[in-house]
Amino acid sequence: MKLVLGMAGASGSIYAERFIKALSTIEGTTYLICSPASLRVFREEMNCTVSSASELLEFIVTKYKIHNPPHQFQIRNFLDIGADIASGSNSWKSMVVLPCSMKTIAAINAGLTENLIERAADVTLKERRTLVLVPREAPYNRIHLKNMLELHDAGGTILPASPGFYQMPKTLDDLADFISERIFRLLGVELDLYPRWNPRNHEE
């Protein structure tokens, strides 16, 4: 797996945390981009003091006691629009923006590339690679819906952070793992982070 993971400044840090935890268990490389706003939200929602992408990764590794993971994380500067992943001449299979702010969705839809998340997403679309955007906003206004529909039509996949409940979640982590698993399936990876739907388990 060769993945670009962008974290934009939307609520839903737990989704990114659980996704990164699961990602660390499989072989591959992820280029991680954290916006300043995403770091601020992460600090507030996860009750920590991280101020950089490297500190965010260290927080997750320490919290879950992850040792010698098979996955490699390479950090890229949010403002570096000249980074390697700013060009289609470099290859990666997929990109995920998790969580994805409506500002980021609007910018990608408009073709604006003022930071590396927007630029890498633009490249992902033009190279016909997999782009998964995970917004958490609710409710959606007409502008949000229009931007998401146009991105869908442009080849992106919109996966709202709306977890299911048929797996009988018991913790917030269970809800976040549901979304992580849905993302992984779109990337062609099966991790079984939650029980699959089986109607026999729900018969009266």
Protein backbone atom coordinates (compact mmCIF):
# COMPACT_ATOMS: atom_id res chain seq x y z
CA MET A 1 0.00 0.00 0.00
CA LYS A 2 1.17 3.50 -0.87
CA LEU A 3 -1.20 6.05 0.60
CA VAL A 4 -1.50 9.79 1.11
CA LEU A 5 -3.36 10.68 4.31
CA GLY A 6 -4.45 14.25 4.90
CA MET A 7 -5.95 15.50 8.15
CA ALA A 8 -7.98 18.68 7.72
CA GLY A 9 -9.43 20.90 10.41
CA ALA A 10 -12.78 19.22 11.02
CA SER A 11 -14.09 17.55 14.14
CA GLY A 12 -13.59 13.79 14.25
CA SER A 13 -10.00 13.30 15.43
CA ILE A 14 -10.89 9.88 16.84
CA TYR A 15 -11.55 8.65 13.30
CA ALA A 16 -8.04 9.63 12.20
CA GLU A 17 -6.50 8.16 15.36
CA ARG A 18 -8.16 4.76 14.94
CA PHE A 19 -7.43 4.71 11.21
CA ILE A 20 -3.73 5.38 11.82
CA LYS A 21 -3.67 2.70 14.53
CA ALA A 22 -5.12 0.13 12.12
CA LEU A 23 -2.93 1.35 9.26
CA SER A 24 0.20 0.72 11.33
CA THR A 25 -0.57 -3.03 11.34
CA ILE A 26 -0.20 -3.54 7.59
CA GLU A 27 2.79 -3.25 5.28
CA GLY A 28 3.10 -0.09 3.25
CA THR A 29 3.96 3.59 3.27
CA THR A 30 1.77 6.56 4.15
CA TYR A 31 2.58 10.19 3.44
CA LEU A 32 0.95 12.12 6.28
CA ILE A 33 -0.12 15.75 5.96
CA CYS A 34 -1.63 17.56 8.97
CA SER A 35 -3.09 21.03 8.64
CA PRO A 36 -2.51 23.44 11.56
CA ALA A 37 -6.26 23.41 12.17
CA SER A 38 -6.30 19.60 12.35
CA LEU A 39 -3.61 19.67 15.03
CA ARG A 40 -5.60 22.21 17.05
CA VAL A 41 -8.75 20.09 16.82
CA PHE A 42 -6.78 16.94 17.70
CA ARG A 43 -5.39 18.62 20.81
CA GLU A 44 -8.84 19.66 21.96
CA GLU A 45 -10.66 16.42 21.15
CA MET A 46 -7.97 14.00 22.33
CA ASN A 47 -6.92 16.06 25.36
CA CYS A 48 -3.24 16.18 24.45
CA THR A 49 -0.53 18.72 23.59
CA VAL A 50 0.60 17.69 20.11
CA SER A 51 1.79 20.54 17.93
CA SER A 52 3.14 18.71 14.87
CA ALA A 53 2.44 15.68 12.73
CA SER A 54 5.40 13.84 14.25
CA GLU A 55 4.08 14.48 17.76
CA LEU A 56 0.63 13.31 16.68
CA LEU A 57 2.10 10.02 15.42
CA GLU A 58 4.12 9.63 18.61
CA PHE A 59 0.98 10.21 20.69
CA ILE A 60 -0.84 7.39 18.86
CA VAL A 61 2.13 5.01 18.95
CA THR A 62 2.57 5.58 22.68
CA LYS A 63 -1.15 5.36 23.49
CA TYR A 64 -1.56 2.00 21.77
CA LYS A 65 1.92 0.67 22.59
CA ILE A 66 2.78 0.08 18.93
CA HIS A 67 6.27 -1.36 18.52
CA ASN A 68 8.13 -1.85 15.23
CA PRO A 69 5.07 -1.48 12.98
CA PRO A 70 5.38 -2.84 9.42
CA HIS A 71 3.93 0.42 8.10
CA GLN A 72 6.12 3.45 7.43
CA PHE A 73 4.87 7.00 7.91
CA GLN A 74 6.54 9.84 6.06
CA ILE A 75 5.53 13.34 7.12
CA ARG A 76 5.07 16.08 4.54
CA ASN A 77 4.73 19.80 5.27
CA PHE A 78 1.19 21.14 4.87
CA LEU A 79 2.47 24.30 3.14
CA ASP A 80 5.01 22.60 0.85
CA ILE A 81 3.25 22.60 -2.51
CA GLY A 82 6.57 21.57 -4.07
CA ALA A 83 6.75 18.29 -2.16
CA ASP A 84 7.13 14.97 -3.98
CA ILE A 85 3.42 14.14 -3.61
CA ALA A 86 2.51 17.44 -5.26
CA SER A 87 3.33 15.88 -8.64
CA GLY A 88 1.68 13.12 -10.60
CA SER A 89 5.14 11.96 -11.69
CA ASN A 90 5.29 10.29 -8.29
CA SER A 91 3.01 7.34 -7.68
CA TRP A 92 0.65 6.47 -4.88
CA LYS A 93 -2.43 4.32 -5.13
CA SER A 94 -4.91 6.24 -3.02
CA MET A 95 -5.50 9.34 -0.91
CA VAL A 96 -7.75 9.76 2.11
CA VAL A 97 -8.68 13.03 3.80
CA LEU A 98 -9.79 12.16 7.34
CA PRO A 99 -11.45 14.09 8.78
CA CYS A 100 -12.25 16.34 5.85
CA SER A 101 -13.44 19.90 6.44
CA MET A 102 -16.01 21.53 4.18
CA LYS A 103 -13.41 24.17 3.37
CA THR A 104 -11.12 21.45 2.04
CA ILE A 105 -13.95 19.87 0.05
CA ALA A 106 -14.82 23.26 -1.44
CA ALA A 107 -11.20 23.97 -2.36
CA ILE A 108 -10.65 20.57 -4.00
CA ASN A 109 -13.90 20.91 -5.92
CA ALA A 110 -12.89 24.37 -7.15
CA GLY A 111 -9.45 23.16 -8.22
CA LEU A 112 -7.68 25.36 -5.69
CA THR A 113 -4.26 24.08 -4.59
CA GLU A 114 -3.09 26.46 -1.89
CA ASN A 115 -1.69 23.75 0.39
CA LEU A 116 -0.35 20.21 0.04
CA ILE A 117 -3.60 18.45 0.98
CA GLU A 118 -5.47 20.30 -1.75
CA ARG A 119 -2.66 19.85 -4.27
CA ALA A 120 -2.24 16.12 -3.59
CA ALA A 121 -6.01 15.62 -3.85
CA ASP A 122 -6.05 17.49 -7.15
CA VAL A 123 -3.26 15.26 -8.47
CA THR A 124 -5.03 12.14 -7.20
CA LEU A 125 -8.14 13.07 -9.18
CA LYS A 126 -6.34 14.02 -12.37
CA GLU A 127 -4.31 10.80 -12.30
CA ARG A 128 -7.54 8.81 -11.83
CA ARG A 129 -6.45 7.38 -8.50
CA THR A 130 -8.69 6.64 -5.53
CA LEU A 131 -9.68 9.70 -3.48
CA VAL A 132 -11.76 9.20 -0.32
CA LEU A 133 -13.08 12.23 1.55
CA VAL A 134 -14.55 11.75 5.02
CA PRO A 135 -16.62 14.76 6.15
CA ARG A 136 -18.19 14.89 9.59
CA GLU A 137 -20.26 18.07 9.22
CA ALA A 138 -23.97 17.89 9.99
CA PRO A 139 -26.38 18.98 8.76
CA TYR A 140 -25.26 19.71 5.20
CA ASN A 141 -26.29 22.92 3.50
CA ARG A 142 -26.83 23.24 -0.23
CA ILE A 143 -23.26 24.41 -0.83
CA HIS A 144 -21.87 21.34 0.97
CA LEU A 145 -24.11 19.00 -1.00
CA LYS A 146 -23.29 20.65 -4.32
CA ASN A 147 -19.54 20.44 -3.71
CA MET A 148 -19.74 16.80 -2.64
CA LEU A 149 -21.87 15.83 -5.63
CA GLU A 150 -19.48 17.52 -8.04
CA LEU A 151 -16.50 15.79 -6.42
CA HIS A 152 -18.33 12.48 -6.71
CA ASP A 153 -18.89 13.16 -10.40
CA ALA A 154 -15.19 14.05 -10.75
CA GLY A 155 -14.16 10.64 -9.46
CA GLY A 156 -13.93 11.12 -5.71
CA THR A 157 -15.71 9.06 -3.07
CA ILE A 158 -17.59 10.81 -0.27
CA LEU A 159 -17.74 8.68 2.88
CA PRO A 160 -19.52 10.64 5.63
CA ALA A 161 -18.39 9.80 9.14
CA SER A 162 -21.73 8.15 9.91
CA PRO A 163 -21.07 4.86 11.72
CA GLY A 164 -23.54 2.00 11.73
CA PHE A 165 -24.94 0.40 14.86
CA TYR A 166 -25.82 -3.14 13.76
CA GLN A 167 -22.42 -4.30 15.01
CA MET A 168 -23.61 -3.40 18.54
CA PRO A 169 -20.84 -0.91 19.39
CA LYS A 170 -19.90 -0.58 23.03
CA THR A 171 -17.32 2.22 22.86
CA LEU A 172 -16.50 5.30 20.83
CA ASP A 173 -13.53 3.36 19.45
CA ASP A 174 -15.98 0.80 18.03
CA LEU A 175 -17.78 3.57 16.14
CA ALA A 176 -14.51 4.97 14.80
CA ASP A 177 -13.34 1.51 13.76
CA PHE A 178 -16.53 1.10 11.73
CA ILE A 179 -15.58 4.12 9.63
CA SER A 180 -11.95 2.99 9.40
CA GLU A 181 -13.01 -0.39 8.06
CA ARG A 182 -15.27 1.24 5.47
CA ILE A 183 -12.32 3.33 4.29
CA PHE A 184 -10.01 0.32 4.11
CA ARG A 185 -12.53 -1.60 2.01
CA LEU A 186 -12.63 1.27 -0.48
CA LEU A 187 -8.84 0.99 -0.60
CA GLY A 188 -9.07 -2.75 -1.28
CA VAL A 189 -7.89 -3.81 2.19
CA GLU A 190 -9.79 -6.21 4.46
CA LEU A 191 -9.00 -5.83 8.17
CA ASP A 192 -12.22 -6.99 9.87
CA LEU A 193 -12.29 -4.22 12.45
CA TYR A 194 -15.92 -4.95 13.28
CA PRO A 195 -18.36 -7.85 12.75
CA ARG A 196 -19.96 -8.03 9.30
CA TRP A 197 -23.72 -7.82 8.98
CA ASN A 198 -25.28 -11.24 9.48
CA PRO A 199 -29.09 -11.30 9.61
CA ARG A 200 -29.01 -14.58 11.54
CA ASN A 201 -27.54 -12.67 14.47
CA HIS A 202 -30.52 -10.32 14.50
CA GLU A 203 -33.42 -12.72 14.15
CA GLU A 204 -36.12 -12.46 16.80
